[in-house]
PDB file of all heavy atoms in Angstrom:
ATOM      1  N   SER A   1       0.816  -1.204   0.000  1.00  0.00           N
ATOM      2  CA  SER A   1       0.000   0.000   0.000  1.00  0.00           C
ATOM      3  C   SER A   1       0.854   1.260   0.000  1.00  0.00           C
ATOM      4  O   SER A   1       2.000   1.251   0.464  1.00  0.00           O
ATOM      5  CB  SER A   1      -0.913   0.040   1.229  1.00  0.00           C
ATOM      6  OG  SER A   1      -1.802  -1.063   1.254  1.00  0.00           O
ATOM      7  N   LEU A   2       0.278   2.317  -0.510  1.00  0.00           N
ATOM      8  CA  LEU A   2       0.868   3.646  -0.448  1.00  0.00           C
ATOM      9  C   LEU A   2       0.071   4.444   0.574  1.00  0.00           C
ATOM     10  O   LEU A   2      -1.154   4.305   0.651  1.00  0.00           O
ATOM     11  CB  LEU A   2       0.800   4.329  -1.815  1.00  0.00           C
ATOM     12  CG  LEU A   2       1.420   5.718  -1.919  1.00  0.00           C
ATOM     13  CD1 LEU A   2       2.942   5.614  -1.942  1.00  0.00           C
ATOM     14  CD2 LEU A   2       0.908   6.438  -3.162  1.00  0.00           C
ATOM     15  N   LEU A   3       0.754   5.285   1.340  1.00  0.00           N
ATOM     16  CA  LEU A   3       0.107   6.043   2.393  1.00  0.00           C
ATOM     17  C   LEU A   3       0.366   7.531   2.243  1.00  0.00           C
ATOM     18  O   LEU A   3       1.382   7.951   1.697  1.00  0.00           O
ATOM     19  CB  LEU A   3       0.613   5.593   3.767  1.00  0.00           C
ATOM     20  CG  LEU A   3       0.492   4.104   4.106  1.00  0.00           C
ATOM     21  CD1 LEU A   3       1.189   3.817   5.422  1.00  0.00           C
ATOM     22  CD2 LEU A   3      -0.974   3.695   4.172  1.00  0.00           C
ATOM     23  N   LEU A   4      -0.559   8.323   2.738  1.00  0.00           N
ATOM     24  CA  LEU A   4      -0.370   9.762   2.846  1.00  0.00           C
ATOM     25  C   LEU A   4      -0.881  10.190   4.208  1.00  0.00           C
ATOM     26  O   LEU A   4      -2.089  10.175   4.458  1.00  0.00           O
ATOM     27  CB  LEU A   4      -1.108  10.515   1.739  1.00  0.00           C
ATOM     28  CG  LEU A   4      -0.911  12.033   1.750  1.00  0.00           C
ATOM     29  CD1 LEU A   4       0.538  12.381   1.394  1.00  0.00           C
ATOM     30  CD2 LEU A   4      -1.874  12.725   0.788  1.00  0.00           C
ATOM     31  N   GLN A   5       0.041  10.541   5.083  1.00  0.00           N
ATOM     32  CA  GLN A   5      -0.323  11.066   6.389  1.00  0.00           C
ATOM     33  C   GLN A   5      -0.506  12.562   6.263  1.00  0.00           C
ATOM     34  O   GLN A   5       0.401  13.272   5.831  1.00  0.00           O
ATOM     35  CB  GLN A   5       0.762  10.748   7.418  1.00  0.00           C
ATOM     36  CG  GLN A   5       0.475  11.278   8.817  1.00  0.00           C
ATOM     37  CD  GLN A   5      -0.727  10.629   9.450  1.00  0.00           C
ATOM     38  OE1 GLN A   5      -0.878   9.414   9.398  1.00  0.00           O
ATOM     39  NE2 GLN A   5      -1.609  11.437  10.044  1.00  0.00           N
ATOM     40  N   MET A   6      -1.674  13.058   6.633  1.00  0.00           N
ATOM     41  CA  MET A   6      -2.001  14.467   6.514  1.00  0.00           C
ATOM     42  C   MET A   6      -2.285  15.023   7.903  1.00  0.00           C
ATOM     43  O   MET A   6      -3.243  14.614   8.563  1.00  0.00           O
ATOM     44  CB  MET A   6      -3.210  14.674   5.603  1.00  0.00           C
ATOM     45  CG  MET A   6      -3.063  14.036   4.230  1.00  0.00           C
ATOM     46  SD  MET A   6      -4.430  14.469   3.114  1.00  0.00           S
ATOM     47  CE  MET A   6      -5.787  13.691   3.983  1.00  0.00           C
ATOM     48  N   ASN A   7      -1.453  15.949   8.338  1.00  0.00           N
ATOM     49  CA  ASN A   7      -1.614  16.590   9.635  1.00  0.00           C
ATOM     50  C   ASN A   7      -1.937  18.067   9.462  1.00  0.00           C
ATOM     51  O   ASN A   7      -1.687  18.656   8.412  1.00  0.00           O
ATOM     52  CB  ASN A   7      -0.336  16.436  10.468  1.00  0.00           C
ATOM     53  CG  ASN A   7      -0.003  15.002  10.789  1.00  0.00           C
ATOM     54  OD1 ASN A   7      -0.890  14.161  10.950  1.00  0.00           O
ATOM     55  ND2 ASN A   7       1.286  14.712  10.899  1.00  0.00           N
ATOM     56  N   SER A   8      -2.469  18.659  10.506  1.00  0.00           N
ATOM     57  CA  SER A   8      -2.777  20.093  10.508  1.00  0.00           C
ATOM     58  C   SER A   8      -3.552  20.501   9.267  1.00  0.00           C
ATOM     59  O   SER A   8      -3.213  21.470   8.578  1.00  0.00           O
ATOM     60  CB  SER A   8      -1.481  20.908  10.624  1.00  0.00           C
ATOM     61  OG  SER A   8      -0.766  20.579  11.797  1.00  0.00           O
ATOM     62  N   LEU A   9      -4.606  19.784   8.985  1.00  0.00           N
ATOM     63  CA  LEU A   9      -5.375  20.019   7.769  1.00  0.00           C
ATOM     64  C   LEU A   9      -6.007  21.406   7.752  1.00  0.00           C
ATOM     65  O   LEU A   9      -6.413  21.934   8.786  1.00  0.00           O
ATOM     66  CB  LEU A   9      -6.444  18.955   7.610  1.00  0.00           C
ATOM     67  CG  LEU A   9      -5.913  17.599   7.138  1.00  0.00           C
ATOM     68  CD1 LEU A   9      -6.917  16.500   7.421  1.00  0.00           C
ATOM     69  CD2 LEU A   9      -5.590  17.660   5.647  1.00  0.00           C
ATOM     70  N   LYS A  10      -6.068  21.964   6.564  1.00  0.00           N
ATOM     71  CA  LYS A  10      -6.617  23.288   6.336  1.00  0.00           C
ATOM     72  C   LYS A  10      -7.788  23.196   5.363  1.00  0.00           C
ATOM     73  O   LYS A  10      -7.854  22.261   4.564  1.00  0.00           O
ATOM     74  CB  LYS A  10      -5.549  24.218   5.751  1.00  0.00           C
ATOM     75  CG  LYS A  10      -4.293  24.353   6.585  1.00  0.00           C
ATOM     76  CD  LYS A  10      -3.254  25.202   5.862  1.00  0.00           C
ATOM     77  CE  LYS A  10      -1.993  25.348   6.680  1.00  0.00           C
ATOM     78  NZ  LYS A  10      -0.975  26.165   5.975  1.00  0.00           N
ATOM     79  N   PRO A  11      -8.696  24.169   5.391  1.00  0.00           N
ATOM     80  CA  PRO A  11      -9.816  24.140   4.445  1.00  0.00           C
ATOM     81  C   PRO A  11      -9.364  24.037   2.988  1.00  0.00           C
ATOM     82  O   PRO A  11     -10.047  23.398   2.185  1.00  0.00           O
ATOM     83  CB  PRO A  11     -10.530  25.472   4.716  1.00  0.00           C
ATOM     84  CG  PRO A  11     -10.264  25.718   6.165  1.00  0.00           C
ATOM     85  CD  PRO A  11      -8.845  25.254   6.378  1.00  0.00           C
ATOM     86  N   GLU A  12      -8.247  24.642   2.652  1.00  0.00           N
ATOM     87  CA  GLU A  12      -7.758  24.587   1.283  1.00  0.00           C
ATOM     88  C   GLU A  12      -7.245  23.208   0.872  1.00  0.00           C
ATOM     89  O   GLU A  12      -6.915  22.990  -0.293  1.00  0.00           O
ATOM     90  CB  GLU A  12      -6.668  25.642   1.031  1.00  0.00           C
ATOM     91  CG  GLU A  12      -5.543  25.625   2.049  1.00  0.00           C
ATOM     92  CD  GLU A  12      -5.730  26.664   3.142  1.00  0.00           C
ATOM     93  OE1 GLU A  12      -6.858  26.803   3.653  1.00  0.00           O
ATOM     94  OE2 GLU A  12      -4.741  27.346   3.483  1.00  0.00           O
ATOM     95  N   ASP A  13      -7.167  22.279   1.819  1.00  0.00           N
ATOM     96  CA  ASP A  13      -6.820  20.899   1.498  1.00  0.00           C
ATOM     97  C   ASP A  13      -8.025  20.119   0.985  1.00  0.00           C
ATOM     98  O   ASP A  13      -7.878  18.969   0.557  1.00  0.00           O
ATOM     99  CB  ASP A  13      -6.245  20.183   2.723  1.00  0.00           C
ATOM    100  CG  ASP A  13      -4.925  20.773   3.173  1.00  0.00           C
ATOM    101  OD1 ASP A  13      -4.085  21.116   2.315  1.00  0.00           O
ATOM    102  OD2 ASP A  13      -4.725  20.879   4.404  1.00  0.00           O
ATOM    103  N   THR A  14      -9.193  20.710   1.052  1.00  0.00           N
ATOM    104  CA  THR A  14     -10.403  20.050   0.575  1.00  0.00           C
ATOM    105  C   THR A  14     -10.274  19.715  -0.906  1.00  0.00           C
ATOM    106  O   THR A  14     -10.024  20.591  -1.732  1.00  0.00           O
ATOM    107  CB  THR A  14     -11.625  20.946   0.801  1.00  0.00           C
ATOM    108  OG1 THR A  14     -11.823  21.135   2.209  1.00  0.00           O
ATOM    109  CG2 THR A  14     -12.875  20.323   0.200  1.00  0.00           C
ATOM    110  N   ALA A  15     -10.432  18.442  -1.233  1.00  0.00           N
ATOM    111  CA  ALA A  15     -10.260  17.979  -2.608  1.00  0.00           C
ATOM    112  C   ALA A  15     -10.521  16.486  -2.666  1.00  0.00           C
ATOM    113  O   ALA A  15     -10.669  15.819  -1.639  1.00  0.00           O
ATOM    114  CB  ALA A  15      -8.839  18.273  -3.101  1.00  0.00           C
ATOM    115  N   ILE A  16     -10.562  15.973  -3.881  1.00  0.00           N
ATOM    116  CA  ILE A  16     -10.528  14.540  -4.083  1.00  0.00           C
ATOM    117  C   ILE A  16      -9.067  14.159  -4.259  1.00  0.00           C
ATOM    118  O   ILE A  16      -8.365  14.764  -5.071  1.00  0.00           O
ATOM    119  CB  ILE A  16     -11.344  14.106  -5.316  1.00  0.00           C
ATOM    120  CG1 ILE A  16     -12.812  14.479  -5.131  1.00  0.00           C
ATOM    121  CG2 ILE A  16     -11.213  12.606  -5.543  1.00  0.00           C
ATOM    122  CD1 ILE A  16     -13.670  14.194  -6.342  1.00  0.00           C
ATOM    123  N   TYR A  17      -8.625  13.181  -3.503  1.00  0.00           N
ATOM    124  CA  TYR A  17      -7.229  12.768  -3.518  1.00  0.00           C
ATOM    125  C   TYR A  17      -7.074  11.458  -4.280  1.00  0.00           C
ATOM    126  O   TYR A  17      -7.824  10.505  -4.059  1.00  0.00           O
ATOM    127  CB  TYR A  17      -6.709  12.604  -2.091  1.00  0.00           C
ATOM    128  CG  TYR A  17      -6.422  13.921  -1.414  1.00  0.00           C
ATOM    129  CD1 TYR A  17      -7.465  14.748  -1.012  1.00  0.00           C
ATOM    130  CD2 TYR A  17      -5.115  14.350  -1.192  1.00  0.00           C
ATOM    131  CE1 TYR A  17      -7.215  15.972  -0.414  1.00  0.00           C
ATOM    132  CE2 TYR A  17      -4.856  15.569  -0.589  1.00  0.00           C
ATOM    133  CZ  TYR A  17      -5.905  16.377  -0.202  1.00  0.00           C
ATOM    134  OH  TYR A  17      -5.644  17.586   0.397  1.00  0.00           O
ATOM    135  N   TYR A  18      -6.076  11.424  -5.154  1.00  0.00           N
ATOM    136  CA  TYR A  18      -5.814  10.267  -5.997  1.00  0.00           C
ATOM    137  C   TYR A  18      -4.397   9.755  -5.783  1.00  0.00           C
ATOM    138  O   TYR A  18      -3.466  10.548  -5.638  1.00  0.00           O
ATOM    139  CB  TYR A  18      -5.947  10.628  -7.479  1.00  0.00           C
ATOM    140  CG  TYR A  18      -7.281  11.193  -7.884  1.00  0.00           C
ATOM    141  CD1 TYR A  18      -7.531  12.555  -7.819  1.00  0.00           C
ATOM    142  CD2 TYR A  18      -8.285  10.354  -8.355  1.00  0.00           C
ATOM    143  CE1 TYR A  18      -8.750  13.079  -8.205  1.00  0.00           C
ATOM    144  CE2 TYR A  18      -9.511  10.867  -8.751  1.00  0.00           C
ATOM    145  CZ  TYR A  18      -9.734  12.235  -8.669  1.00  0.00           C
ATOM    146  OH  TYR A  18     -10.947  12.744  -9.067  1.00  0.00           O
ATOM    147  N   CYS A  19      -4.231   8.449  -5.793  1.00  0.00           N
ATOM    148  CA  CYS A  19      -2.893   7.880  -5.830  1.00  0.00           C
ATOM    149  C   CYS A  19      -2.608   7.429  -7.254  1.00  0.00           C
ATOM    150  O   CYS A  19      -3.519   7.113  -8.023  1.00  0.00           O
ATOM    151  CB  CYS A  19      -2.733   6.713  -4.852  1.00  0.00           C
ATOM    152  SG  CYS A  19      -3.721   5.248  -5.209  1.00  0.00           S
ATOM    153  N   ALA A  20      -1.334   7.425  -7.616  1.00  0.00           N
ATOM    154  CA  ALA A  20      -0.936   7.072  -8.966  1.00  0.00           C
ATOM    155  C   ALA A  20       0.414   6.370  -8.954  1.00  0.00           C
ATOM    156  O   ALA A  20       1.277   6.691  -8.133  1.00  0.00           O
ATOM    157  CB  ALA A  20      -0.865   8.327  -9.838  1.00  0.00           C
ATOM    158  N   ALA A  21       0.589   5.431  -9.873  1.00  0.00           N
ATOM    159  CA  ALA A  21       1.812   4.648  -9.976  1.00  0.00           C
ATOM    160  C   ALA A  21       2.518   4.923 -11.294  1.00  0.00           C
ATOM    161  O   ALA A  21       1.883   4.987 -12.348  1.00  0.00           O
ATOM    162  CB  ALA A  21       1.492   3.163  -9.857  1.00  0.00           C
ATOM    163  N   HIS A  22       3.821   5.063 -11.221  1.00  0.00           N
ATOM    164  CA  HIS A  22       4.677   5.347 -12.364  1.00  0.00           C
ATOM    165  C   HIS A  22       5.666   4.200 -12.537  1.00  0.00           C
ATOM    166  O   HIS A  22       6.363   3.842 -11.584  1.00  0.00           O
ATOM    167  CB  HIS A  22       5.408   6.673 -12.134  1.00  0.00           C
ATOM    168  CG  HIS A  22       6.229   7.155 -13.275  1.00  0.00           C
ATOM    169  ND1 HIS A  22       7.475   7.726 -13.103  1.00  0.00           N
ATOM    170  CD2 HIS A  22       5.987   7.171 -14.602  1.00  0.00           C
ATOM    171  CE1 HIS A  22       7.956   8.077 -14.278  1.00  0.00           C
ATOM    172  NE2 HIS A  22       7.066   7.748 -15.203  1.00  0.00           N
ATOM    173  N   LYS A  23       5.758   3.641 -13.736  1.00  0.00           N
ATOM    174  CA  LYS A  23       6.600   2.472 -13.973  1.00  0.00           C
ATOM    175  C   LYS A  23       8.095   2.741 -13.829  1.00  0.00           C
ATOM    176  O   LYS A  23       8.862   1.811 -13.595  1.00  0.00           O
ATOM    177  CB  LYS A  23       6.343   1.901 -15.371  1.00  0.00           C
ATOM    178  CG  LYS A  23       4.998   1.245 -15.543  1.00  0.00           C
ATOM    179  CD  LYS A  23       4.857   0.685 -16.937  1.00  0.00           C
ATOM    180  CE  LYS A  23       3.528  -0.011 -17.113  1.00  0.00           C
ATOM    181  NZ  LYS A  23       3.370  -0.540 -18.495  1.00  0.00           N
ATOM    182  N   GLN A  24       8.494   3.982 -13.961  1.00  0.00           N
ATOM    183  CA  GLN A  24       9.908   4.315 -13.915  1.00  0.00           C
ATOM    184  C   GLN A  24      10.411   4.426 -12.485  1.00  0.00           C
ATOM    185  O   GLN A  24       9.632   4.408 -11.530  1.00  0.00           O
ATOM    186  CB  GLN A  24      10.177   5.614 -14.681  1.00  0.00           C
ATOM    187  CG  GLN A  24       9.614   5.630 -16.087  1.00  0.00           C
ATOM    188  CD  GLN A  24      10.147   4.495 -16.946  1.00  0.00           C
ATOM    189  OE1 GLN A  24      11.285   4.060 -16.774  1.00  0.00           O
ATOM    190  NE2 GLN A  24       9.328   4.010 -17.860  1.00  0.00           N
ATOM    191  N   THR A  25      11.733   4.568 -12.347  1.00  0.00           N
ATOM    192  CA  THR A  25      12.336   4.645 -11.021  1.00  0.00           C
ATOM    193  C   THR A  25      12.322   6.051 -10.449  1.00  0.00           C
ATOM    194  O   THR A  25      12.361   6.217  -9.228  1.00  0.00           O
ATOM    195  CB  THR A  25      13.783   4.142 -11.040  1.00  0.00           C
ATOM    196  OG1 THR A  25      14.557   4.933 -11.947  1.00  0.00           O
ATOM    197  CG2 THR A  25      13.843   2.686 -11.482  1.00  0.00           C
ATOM    198  N   TRP A  26      12.261   7.065 -11.301  1.00  0.00           N
ATOM    199  CA  TRP A  26      12.364   8.435 -10.854  1.00  0.00           C
ATOM    200  C   TRP A  26      10.997   9.015 -10.509  1.00  0.00           C
ATOM    201  O   TRP A  26       9.974   8.622 -11.041  1.00  0.00           O
ATOM    202  CB  TRP A  26      13.021   9.296 -11.937  1.00  0.00           C
ATOM    203  CG  TRP A  26      12.293   9.297 -13.251  1.00  0.00           C
ATOM    204  CD1 TRP A  26      11.263  10.105 -13.631  1.00  0.00           C
ATOM    205  CD2 TRP A  26      12.555   8.439 -14.369  1.00  0.00           C
ATOM    206  NE1 TRP A  26      10.864   9.809 -14.914  1.00  0.00           N
ATOM    207  CE2 TRP A  26      11.644   8.784 -15.397  1.00  0.00           C
ATOM    208  CE3 TRP A  26      13.484   7.416 -14.600  1.00  0.00           C
ATOM    209  CZ2 TRP A  26      11.621   8.147 -16.627  1.00  0.00           C
ATOM    210  CZ3 TRP A  26      13.466   6.774 -15.838  1.00  0.00           C
ATOM    211  CH2 TRP A  26      12.547   7.146 -16.831  1.00  0.00           C
TER     212      TRP A  26
END
């Protein structure tokens, strides 16, 4: 799994959040 820990959230953080995978190493 991939994780995103979000602390001290602000109203401007309101959004739909997406995870994405990239085949490359960079």
